Protein backbone atom coordinates (compact mmCIF):
# COMPACT_ATOMS: atom_id res chain seq x y z
CA MET A 1 -31.51 6.22 -81.26
CA LYS A 2 -34.27 8.17 -79.65
CA LYS A 3 -33.62 10.12 -77.39
CA HIS A 4 -35.26 9.52 -73.63
CA PHE A 5 -36.77 12.41 -71.69
CA LYS A 6 -37.84 12.70 -68.06
CA TYR A 7 -41.26 14.62 -68.26
CA LEU A 8 -41.77 17.01 -65.08
CA VAL A 9 -45.93 17.77 -65.41
CA THR A 10 -47.48 20.43 -63.70
CA ALA A 11 -51.20 21.16 -63.03
CA ALA A 12 -52.24 24.85 -62.27
CA LEU A 13 -52.11 25.23 -58.33
CA PRO A 14 -55.80 26.26 -57.37
CA TYR A 15 -56.35 28.97 -54.85
CA ALA A 16 -57.22 27.68 -51.85
CA ASN A 17 -60.39 29.71 -51.03
CA SER A 18 -63.37 28.12 -52.54
CA PHE A 19 -64.15 24.35 -53.94
CA ILE A 20 -63.05 23.43 -57.29
CA HIS A 21 -65.86 22.84 -59.71
CA ILE A 22 -65.74 20.52 -63.09
CA GLY A 23 -64.89 23.52 -65.32
CA HIS A 24 -61.55 23.50 -63.08
CA ILE A 25 -61.25 19.33 -63.85
CA SER A 26 -61.78 19.83 -67.63
CA GLY A 27 -59.41 22.77 -68.19
CA ALA A 28 -56.30 22.12 -65.89
CA TYR A 29 -56.53 18.51 -63.93
CA LEU A 30 -58.07 16.01 -66.11
CA PRO A 31 -55.96 16.57 -69.21
CA PRO A 32 -52.61 16.30 -67.41
CA ASP A 33 -53.94 12.91 -65.53
CA ILE A 34 -54.95 11.38 -69.11
CA PHE A 35 -51.31 12.65 -70.06
CA VAL A 36 -49.29 10.99 -67.20
CA ARG A 37 -51.25 7.78 -67.52
CA TYR A 38 -50.29 7.67 -71.02
CA LYS A 39 -46.51 8.16 -70.17
CA ARG A 40 -46.62 5.64 -67.40
CA LEU A 41 -48.12 2.80 -69.61
CA ASN A 42 -45.08 3.47 -71.60
CA ASP A 43 -42.65 3.09 -68.84
CA GLU A 44 -41.61 6.56 -69.20
CA ASP A 45 -39.97 8.66 -66.18
CA VAL A 46 -42.59 11.31 -65.35
CA ILE A 47 -43.43 13.15 -62.13
CA PHE A 48 -46.88 14.87 -61.75
CA ILE A 49 -47.07 17.95 -59.50
CA SER A 50 -49.60 20.26 -57.85
CA GLY A 51 -50.64 21.83 -54.76
CA SER A 52 -52.66 24.69 -53.49
CA ASP A 53 -52.02 28.64 -53.80
CA GLU A 54 -52.52 29.75 -50.23
CA HIS A 55 -51.60 33.11 -50.27
CA GLY A 56 -53.30 36.65 -51.51
CA THR A 57 -55.68 39.19 -50.82
CA ALA A 58 -58.76 36.91 -51.39
CA ILE A 59 -57.65 34.46 -48.70
CA GLU A 60 -57.14 37.44 -46.28
CA MET A 61 -60.34 39.04 -47.10
CA ALA A 62 -62.10 35.58 -46.39
CA SER A 63 -60.48 35.44 -42.97
CA ILE A 64 -61.31 38.78 -42.07
CA SER A 65 -64.97 38.54 -43.65
CA GLU A 66 -65.44 34.92 -41.54
CA LYS A 67 -63.45 36.38 -38.72
CA VAL A 68 -61.51 33.41 -38.55
CA THR A 69 -57.65 33.15 -39.30
CA PRO A 70 -56.21 32.80 -42.77
CA GLN A 71 -54.98 29.20 -41.89
CA GLU A 72 -58.41 27.94 -41.09
CA ILE A 73 -59.43 29.17 -44.67
CA ILE A 74 -56.73 27.58 -46.56
CA ASP A 75 -56.99 24.40 -44.27
CA ARG A 76 -60.68 23.98 -45.43
CA TYR A 77 -60.08 24.36 -49.11
CA HIS A 78 -57.09 22.74 -49.41
CA PHE A 79 -57.80 19.41 -47.63
CA ALA A 80 -61.45 19.49 -49.28
CA ASN A 81 -59.95 20.13 -52.91
CA LYS A 82 -57.39 17.55 -52.27
CA LYS A 83 -60.06 14.97 -51.38
CA ALA A 84 -62.08 15.90 -54.68
CA PHE A 85 -59.01 15.05 -56.83
CA GLU A 86 -58.62 11.73 -55.28
CA ASP A 87 -62.51 10.86 -55.62
CA LEU A 88 -62.04 11.64 -59.43
CA GLY A 89 -58.98 9.32 -59.54
CA ILE A 90 -56.57 12.09 -60.44
CA ASN A 91 -53.30 10.71 -59.13
CA PHE A 92 -50.68 13.48 -58.51
CA ASP A 93 -47.16 12.39 -57.26
CA ILE A 94 -47.53 15.31 -54.44
CA TYR A 95 -50.11 17.47 -53.91
CA SER A 96 -48.80 20.28 -51.85
CA ARG A 97 -49.38 23.62 -50.44
CA THR A 98 -47.77 26.84 -50.51
CA SER A 99 -47.93 27.64 -46.99
CA ASN A 100 -45.60 25.02 -46.46
CA LYS A 101 -42.00 26.05 -44.75
CA ILE A 102 -40.43 24.38 -47.80
CA HIS A 103 -42.13 26.54 -50.17
CA HIS A 104 -41.67 29.89 -47.78
CA ASP A 105 -38.01 28.94 -47.95
CA THR A 106 -37.75 27.89 -51.51
CA ALA A 107 -39.69 31.24 -52.78
CA GLN A 108 -37.51 33.66 -50.60
CA GLU A 109 -34.35 31.89 -51.94
CA PHE A 110 -35.40 32.56 -55.28
CA PHE A 111 -36.31 36.24 -54.53
CA LEU A 112 -32.80 36.57 -53.01
CA ASN A 113 -30.95 35.12 -56.02
CA ILE A 114 -32.34 37.84 -58.46
CA TYR A 115 -32.22 40.55 -56.01
CA ASN A 116 -28.43 39.90 -55.24
CA LYS A 117 -27.96 39.92 -58.98
CA ASN A 118 -29.43 43.72 -58.93
CA ILE A 119 -32.17 42.63 -61.31
CA LEU A 120 -35.00 44.18 -59.41
CA VAL A 121 -36.16 47.92 -59.21
CA GLN A 122 -37.53 49.69 -56.30
CA LYS A 123 -40.22 52.14 -56.92
CA THR A 124 -42.22 54.39 -54.83
CA GLU A 125 -45.74 54.80 -55.65
CA LYS A 126 -49.10 56.04 -54.03
CA GLN A 127 -51.25 53.62 -52.59
CA LEU A 128 -54.69 53.83 -50.71
CA PHE A 129 -53.85 53.62 -46.76
CA SER A 130 -56.67 53.00 -43.99
CA GLU A 131 -55.97 55.16 -40.91
CA LYS A 132 -58.77 53.62 -39.16
CA GLU A 133 -57.13 49.96 -39.65
CA ASN A 134 -53.34 51.20 -40.01
CA ARG A 135 -52.63 49.57 -43.24
CA PHE A 136 -52.24 49.82 -46.90
CA LEU A 137 -55.44 48.67 -48.94
CA ALA A 138 -54.50 46.31 -51.50
CA ASP A 139 -56.77 46.05 -54.52
CA ARG A 140 -59.39 43.52 -53.16
CA PHE A 141 -59.34 45.51 -50.15
CA VAL A 142 -61.02 48.34 -52.12
CA THR A 143 -64.64 49.00 -53.43
CA GLY A 144 -65.88 51.84 -54.98
CA THR A 145 -67.65 53.39 -58.39
CA CYS A 146 -66.23 52.10 -61.58
CA PRO A 147 -65.01 55.16 -63.69
CA VAL A 148 -66.04 53.19 -66.65
CA CYS A 149 -69.41 52.28 -66.38
CA GLY A 150 -70.33 53.83 -62.92
CA TYR A 151 -71.28 50.74 -61.19
CA GLU A 152 -70.98 51.38 -57.49
CA GLU A 153 -69.28 48.15 -56.13
CA ALA A 154 -66.39 47.78 -58.54
CA ARG A 155 -63.33 46.38 -56.86
CA GLY A 156 -59.82 47.78 -56.57
CA ASP A 157 -58.86 45.25 -59.34
CA GLU A 158 -61.58 44.84 -61.73
CA CYS A 159 -65.41 45.94 -62.30
CA SER A 160 -67.68 42.67 -62.15
CA ASN A 161 -70.26 44.67 -64.27
CA CYS A 162 -68.24 45.80 -67.14
CA GLY A 163 -65.10 43.55 -66.79
CA SER A 164 -62.58 46.79 -66.81
CA ASN A 165 -59.20 46.02 -65.08
CA LEU A 166 -58.96 48.92 -62.80
CA SER A 167 -56.65 49.97 -59.86
CA PRO A 168 -57.59 51.03 -56.21
CA LEU A 169 -56.57 54.63 -57.31
CA GLU A 170 -58.92 54.82 -60.38
CA LEU A 171 -61.97 54.01 -58.51
CA ILE A 172 -64.36 56.95 -57.61
CA ASN A 173 -65.45 57.54 -53.93
CA PRO A 174 -63.22 54.32 -52.65
CA ARG A 175 -64.02 52.83 -49.39
CA SER A 176 -62.34 50.09 -47.32
CA LYS A 177 -64.09 46.78 -47.89
CA ILE A 178 -63.53 45.86 -44.24
CA THR A 179 -64.55 48.92 -42.20
CA GLY A 180 -66.09 51.33 -45.00
CA ASP A 181 -63.90 53.98 -44.03
CA ILE A 182 -62.59 56.51 -46.67
CA PRO A 183 -58.84 55.67 -47.16
CA VAL A 184 -56.01 58.24 -47.76
CA ILE A 185 -53.61 58.55 -50.24
CA LYS A 186 -49.83 57.56 -49.04
CA GLU A 187 -46.63 56.35 -50.50
CA SER A 188 -45.30 52.71 -50.37
CA THR A 189 -41.79 51.48 -51.98
CA HIS A 190 -42.04 48.24 -53.74
CA TYR A 191 -39.92 45.79 -55.58
CA TYR A 192 -40.55 45.58 -59.48
CA PHE A 193 -39.52 42.85 -62.04
CA PRO A 194 -38.30 44.08 -65.14
CA LEU A 195 -40.37 41.85 -67.28
CA GLY A 196 -39.50 44.15 -70.23
CA ASP A 197 -35.75 43.49 -70.14
CA TYR A 198 -36.65 39.67 -70.94
CA GLN A 199 -38.86 40.79 -74.45
CA GLU A 200 -36.14 40.02 -76.54
CA LYS A 201 -35.17 36.71 -74.93
CA LEU A 202 -38.94 35.34 -74.61
CA GLU A 203 -39.37 36.25 -77.95
CA LYS A 204 -36.89 34.32 -79.59
CA TRP A 205 -37.63 31.48 -77.21
CA LEU A 206 -41.37 31.36 -78.36
CA ASP A 207 -40.34 31.42 -81.79
CA GLY A 208 -38.50 28.15 -81.39
CA LYS A 209 -41.57 26.40 -79.92
CA ARG A 210 -43.28 23.83 -82.19
CA GLY A 211 -46.69 22.11 -81.48
CA TRP A 212 -47.88 24.75 -78.96
CA LYS A 213 -51.78 25.61 -79.42
CA GLN A 214 -52.80 28.57 -81.13
CA ASN A 215 -54.85 30.09 -78.33
CA VAL A 216 -51.46 30.00 -75.93
CA MET A 217 -49.41 31.53 -79.04
CA ASN A 218 -51.72 34.45 -79.82
CA TYR A 219 -52.12 35.47 -76.19
CA CYS A 220 -48.54 35.59 -75.87
CA LYS A 221 -47.95 37.46 -78.98
CA GLY A 222 -50.53 39.91 -77.71
CA TRP A 223 -48.73 40.52 -74.70
CA LEU A 224 -45.59 41.03 -76.72
CA LYS A 225 -46.73 43.28 -79.40
CA ALA A 226 -48.28 45.39 -76.42
CA GLY A 227 -44.73 45.60 -75.07
CA LEU A 228 -43.71 44.31 -71.56
CA ARG A 229 -43.50 46.52 -68.58
CA ASP A 230 -42.24 46.45 -64.86
CA ARG A 231 -44.46 44.63 -62.77
CA ALA A 232 -44.29 44.60 -58.93
CA ILE A 233 -43.64 41.70 -56.88
CA SER A 234 -44.16 42.68 -53.35
CA ARG A 235 -46.81 43.80 -51.51
CA ASP A 236 -48.04 45.60 -48.16
CA LEU A 237 -49.99 42.73 -46.36
CA ASP A 238 -49.74 40.42 -43.34
CA TRP A 239 -50.34 36.91 -44.98
CA GLY A 240 -47.86 35.43 -47.20
CA VAL A 241 -44.50 34.86 -47.74
CA LYS A 242 -42.19 37.58 -46.11
CA ILE A 243 -39.52 39.21 -48.31
CA PRO A 244 -36.28 38.43 -46.61
CA VAL A 245 -34.64 41.57 -46.86
CA GLU A 246 -34.22 43.80 -43.95
CA GLY A 247 -36.09 47.22 -43.81
CA ASN A 248 -39.28 45.48 -45.40
CA ASP A 249 -41.49 44.67 -42.43
CA GLY A 250 -45.25 44.30 -43.37
CA LYS A 251 -44.35 43.34 -46.99
CA VAL A 252 -44.60 40.23 -48.56
CA ILE A 253 -43.76 38.53 -51.72
CA TYR A 254 -46.81 39.01 -54.45
CA VAL A 255 -48.66 36.09 -54.90
CA TRP A 256 -48.38 36.00 -58.72
CA PHE A 257 -44.49 35.90 -58.38
CA GLU A 258 -44.24 33.35 -55.49
CA ALA A 259 -46.97 30.82 -56.20
CA PRO A 260 -45.41 29.15 -59.77
CA ILE A 261 -42.44 28.77 -57.41
CA GLY A 262 -44.86 26.29 -55.64
CA TYR A 263 -44.16 23.64 -58.62
CA ILE A 264 -40.17 23.68 -57.71
CA SER A 265 -41.00 23.62 -53.84
CA ALA A 266 -43.75 20.85 -54.25
CA THR A 267 -40.87 18.81 -56.21
CA LYS A 268 -38.18 19.55 -53.18
CA GLU A 269 -40.83 17.97 -51.10
CA LEU A 270 -41.67 15.22 -52.88
CA PHE A 271 -38.11 13.84 -53.09
CA THR A 272 -37.28 14.74 -49.59
CA GLU A 273 -40.41 12.56 -48.61
CA ARG A 274 -38.55 9.67 -50.96
CA ASN A 275 -35.39 10.15 -48.73
CA GLU A 276 -33.59 11.84 -52.10
CA PRO A 277 -33.46 15.10 -51.12
CA ASP A 278 -31.18 16.15 -54.35
CA LYS A 279 -33.14 14.43 -56.86
CA TRP A 280 -35.30 17.28 -57.53
CA LYS A 281 -32.50 18.79 -59.67
CA ASP A 282 -32.62 15.74 -61.86
CA TYR A 283 -35.69 17.56 -62.96
CA TRP A 284 -35.68 21.54 -62.61
CA MET A 285 -32.07 21.51 -63.61
CA ASN A 286 -31.84 18.86 -66.48
CA GLU A 287 -31.95 19.67 -70.04
CA ASP A 288 -33.20 16.45 -70.77
CA THR A 289 -36.35 16.92 -68.99
CA LYS A 290 -39.53 18.18 -70.46
CA LEU A 291 -41.28 20.54 -68.21
CA ILE A 292 -45.10 20.95 -69.27
CA HIS A 293 -47.53 22.99 -67.46
CA PHE A 294 -51.45 22.10 -67.85
CA ILE A 295 -53.60 25.31 -67.39
CA GLY A 296 -56.57 27.06 -67.88
CA LYS A 297 -56.44 29.92 -70.54
CA ASP A 298 -56.77 32.42 -67.68
CA ASN A 299 -53.02 31.59 -66.34
CA ILE A 300 -51.52 31.74 -69.93
CA VAL A 301 -49.54 35.02 -69.34
CA PHE A 302 -48.16 33.46 -66.14
CA HIS A 303 -46.81 30.41 -67.36
CA SER A 304 -45.92 31.45 -70.75
CA ILE A 305 -44.35 34.65 -70.19
CA ILE A 306 -43.90 35.86 -66.44
CA PHE A 307 -42.68 32.21 -64.85
CA PRO A 308 -40.39 31.75 -67.88
CA ALA A 309 -38.59 35.28 -67.47
CA MET A 310 -38.38 34.67 -63.79
CA LEU A 311 -36.40 31.33 -64.39
CA MET A 312 -34.39 33.30 -67.08
CA ALA A 313 -33.39 35.60 -64.43
CA HIS A 314 -32.82 33.09 -61.91
CA GLY A 315 -30.36 31.15 -64.29
CA ASP A 316 -30.21 27.51 -62.64
CA TYR A 317 -33.70 26.30 -64.35
CA ILE A 318 -35.12 24.89 -67.20
CA LEU A 319 -37.76 26.75 -69.18
CA PRO A 320 -41.29 25.02 -70.08
CA ASP A 321 -41.10 22.92 -73.11
CA ASN A 322 -44.99 23.23 -73.69
CA VAL A 323 -48.09 24.82 -71.91
CA PRO A 324 -51.40 23.23 -73.17
CA ALA A 325 -54.18 25.55 -71.95
CA ASN A 326 -57.46 24.73 -72.36
CA GLU A 327 -60.55 27.30 -72.78
CA PHE A 328 -63.55 27.47 -70.36
CA MET A 329 -66.29 24.75 -69.49
CA ASN A 330 -69.54 26.71 -69.02
CA PHE A 331 -72.64 25.14 -67.45
CA GLU A 332 -75.86 25.04 -69.12
CA GLY A 333 -75.09 28.54 -70.81
CA GLU A 334 -73.42 30.34 -67.93
CA LYS A 335 -69.45 30.85 -66.67
CA GLN A 336 -68.67 28.39 -63.95
CA SER A 337 -67.24 30.65 -61.10
CA LYS A 338 -66.10 29.71 -57.74
CA SER A 339 -66.82 33.76 -56.57
CA LYS A 340 -70.25 33.46 -58.09
CA GLY A 341 -71.00 30.41 -56.86
CA THR A 342 -72.45 29.03 -60.01
CA GLY A 343 -71.43 25.67 -61.85
CA VAL A 344 -71.05 21.90 -60.42
CA LEU A 345 -68.82 21.49 -57.86
CA VAL A 346 -66.62 18.15 -57.49
CA LYS A 347 -67.67 17.17 -54.68
CA ASP A 348 -71.11 16.98 -55.29
CA ILE A 349 -70.89 15.34 -58.57
CA THR A 350 -68.86 12.65 -57.18
CA ALA A 351 -71.35 12.14 -54.15
CA LYS A 352 -73.62 11.00 -57.05
CA PHE A 353 -71.79 9.68 -59.62
CA GLU A 354 -69.35 7.40 -60.45
CA PRO A 355 -65.60 8.69 -61.32
CA ASP A 356 -65.20 7.22 -64.54
CA VAL A 357 -68.68 8.29 -65.50
CA ILE A 358 -67.57 12.01 -64.81
CA ARG A 359 -64.13 11.49 -66.32
CA TYR A 360 -65.55 10.16 -69.76
CA THR A 361 -68.20 13.04 -69.99
CA LEU A 362 -65.55 15.56 -69.48
CA ALA A 363 -63.09 14.14 -71.82
CA SER A 364 -65.25 13.86 -74.26
CA ASN A 365 -66.53 17.37 -74.18
CA MET A 366 -63.16 18.78 -73.40
CA PRO A 367 -62.73 22.72 -74.21
CA GLU A 368 -59.24 22.27 -75.98
CA ASN A 369 -59.55 24.77 -78.77
CA LYS A 370 -63.07 26.69 -77.70
CA ASP A 371 -65.12 26.84 -74.77
CA SER A 372 -67.51 24.05 -74.23
CA GLU A 373 -70.41 23.19 -72.54
CA PHE A 374 -71.89 20.66 -69.49
CA VAL A 375 -75.35 19.88 -69.41
CA TRP A 376 -76.95 17.18 -66.96
CA LYS A 377 -78.73 15.49 -70.24
CA ASP A 378 -75.10 14.92 -71.63
CA LEU A 379 -73.73 13.15 -68.64
CA GLN A 380 -77.12 10.83 -68.74
CA VAL A 381 -76.45 9.99 -72.63
CA LYS A 382 -72.98 9.26 -71.95
CA ASN A 383 -73.28 7.17 -69.30
CA ASN A 384 -76.60 5.28 -70.76
CA SER A 385 -75.84 5.07 -74.19
CA GLU A 386 -72.19 5.04 -74.78
CA LEU A 387 -70.76 3.52 -71.85
CA ALA A 388 -73.27 0.89 -70.79
CA GLY A 389 -75.08 0.45 -74.23
CA ILE A 390 -71.92 0.64 -76.48
CA LEU A 391 -68.83 -0.33 -74.58
CA GLY A 392 -70.74 -2.28 -72.02
CA ASN A 393 -72.57 -4.49 -74.69
CA PHE A 394 -69.22 -4.86 -76.42
CA ILE A 395 -67.62 -6.30 -73.57
CA ASN A 396 -70.53 -8.41 -72.44
CA ARG A 397 -70.78 -9.99 -75.94
CA THR A 398 -66.66 -10.52 -75.55
CA VAL A 399 -67.10 -12.28 -72.02
CA VAL A 400 -70.21 -14.25 -73.48
CA PHE A 401 -68.29 -15.31 -76.43
CA THR A 402 -65.05 -16.24 -74.69
CA LYS A 403 -67.48 -18.37 -72.22
CA ASN A 404 -69.02 -20.31 -74.73
CA LYS A 405 -66.45 -21.01 -77.25
CA PHE A 406 -63.13 -21.20 -75.09
CA ASP A 407 -64.28 -22.74 -71.83
CA ASN A 408 -64.23 -19.28 -69.94
CA ARG A 409 -60.55 -18.71 -70.81
CA VAL A 410 -58.59 -16.24 -72.95
CA PRO A 411 -57.01 -18.53 -75.64
CA GLU A 412 -53.38 -18.38 -76.47
CA ILE A 413 -52.42 -16.75 -79.86
CA ILE A 414 -51.33 -19.27 -82.02
CA SER A 415 -51.19 -17.74 -85.53
CA ILE A 416 -52.41 -14.10 -86.59
CA PRO A 417 -53.54 -13.32 -90.08
CA GLU A 418 -51.03 -10.96 -92.00
CA THR A 419 -53.40 -8.03 -91.98
CA GLU A 420 -54.31 -8.57 -88.50
CA ASP A 421 -50.55 -8.91 -87.52
CA GLY A 422 -50.07 -5.41 -89.43
CA ILE A 423 -52.70 -3.89 -87.18
CA LEU A 424 -51.16 -5.02 -83.85
CA ALA A 425 -47.50 -4.20 -84.91
CA PHE A 426 -49.01 -0.92 -86.07
CA LEU A 427 -50.82 -0.39 -82.10
CA ILE A 428 -47.32 -1.57 -80.42
CA ARG A 429 -45.52 1.11 -82.53
CA SER A 430 -47.79 3.67 -81.70
CA LEU A 431 -47.82 3.12 -77.68
CA ARG A 432 -44.05 3.10 -78.21
CA ASN A 433 -43.57 6.43 -80.05
């Protein structure tokens, strides 16, 4: 007898610091929407979760730059991106946000769970500190000369010129991006998650997975081969989920740790709105649930290694059943980038074209196994030749034939030839399976 599963489907939480583009849609949002529609056609139990990721340095930097509050930044992009999804016909059961109280409470409860088990490690480290601003400078608050290529406007976490991953202390002649002053070095104590302690469990768990995409497995194997190391889960910032332990004023939970907990808090919020406040447990704490994370390839490590390790440490939650990550969709030879303002924004393309035309064009060129390319000419061909010319002509001929031969009514099935009966039976079996 076939076992019936619940499906908990998540789409990556987009960062609420800019407008989403079609590369995001083809990578992490259209695939799960198609999957969820298919499951619902089969009357399967499925919920579809997403929402805005609203903490971190990029949002605080944007608020400082624009001289507005972080809340104004996240409100602007949360509601704009929520509308963009709706305009494309992507229908989440809930599109939540990590600034909500229910998320802060859930993230703090999760933190305390592993803190009280003495899993976390405290380390004192050197960091850049602005005496002028009286604050520690997180990576994106610092700019300086790249030690690898000499580029003079490298960020504290990455050089946009050569792509090197950096730390603020590695920069030559570092300075504050906020005021331009020269920081000093001070010590700060932070909490670390001992990711390496879960390497063996993660390897065994991943070895048991079948049907995962090769790009995801290769990425995981690369991380595991290099060896997993402790990762900081706290930061010296004003904006974010506060560390729920006394003596940690001015510290928040690092966004990489806190954001995926948003899938849990959004599910809680959904069932609270449905007046079933405990039903979220039927999905997150039920071995008969398949948890599936749809993401882009830049989020593989968080959903395939780090979040599963966090869930293992907590102990009460199911682990992902699959993490189907897509590659990137480029735009006419150039990478689509929110930070650089390149690509096609969803709010712009939906203002000019019908959602089904956009969805069809993106779905037919989805970057499932390698990077794909979007060009305007392709959208024109898909619309005119395939949707209007082929599909539209087929529908028109069928309607005209029905009108002329059957008095404009779909006839009843009286008998089906054996060959056609086999085809029909095969289609029904395929849908049910």
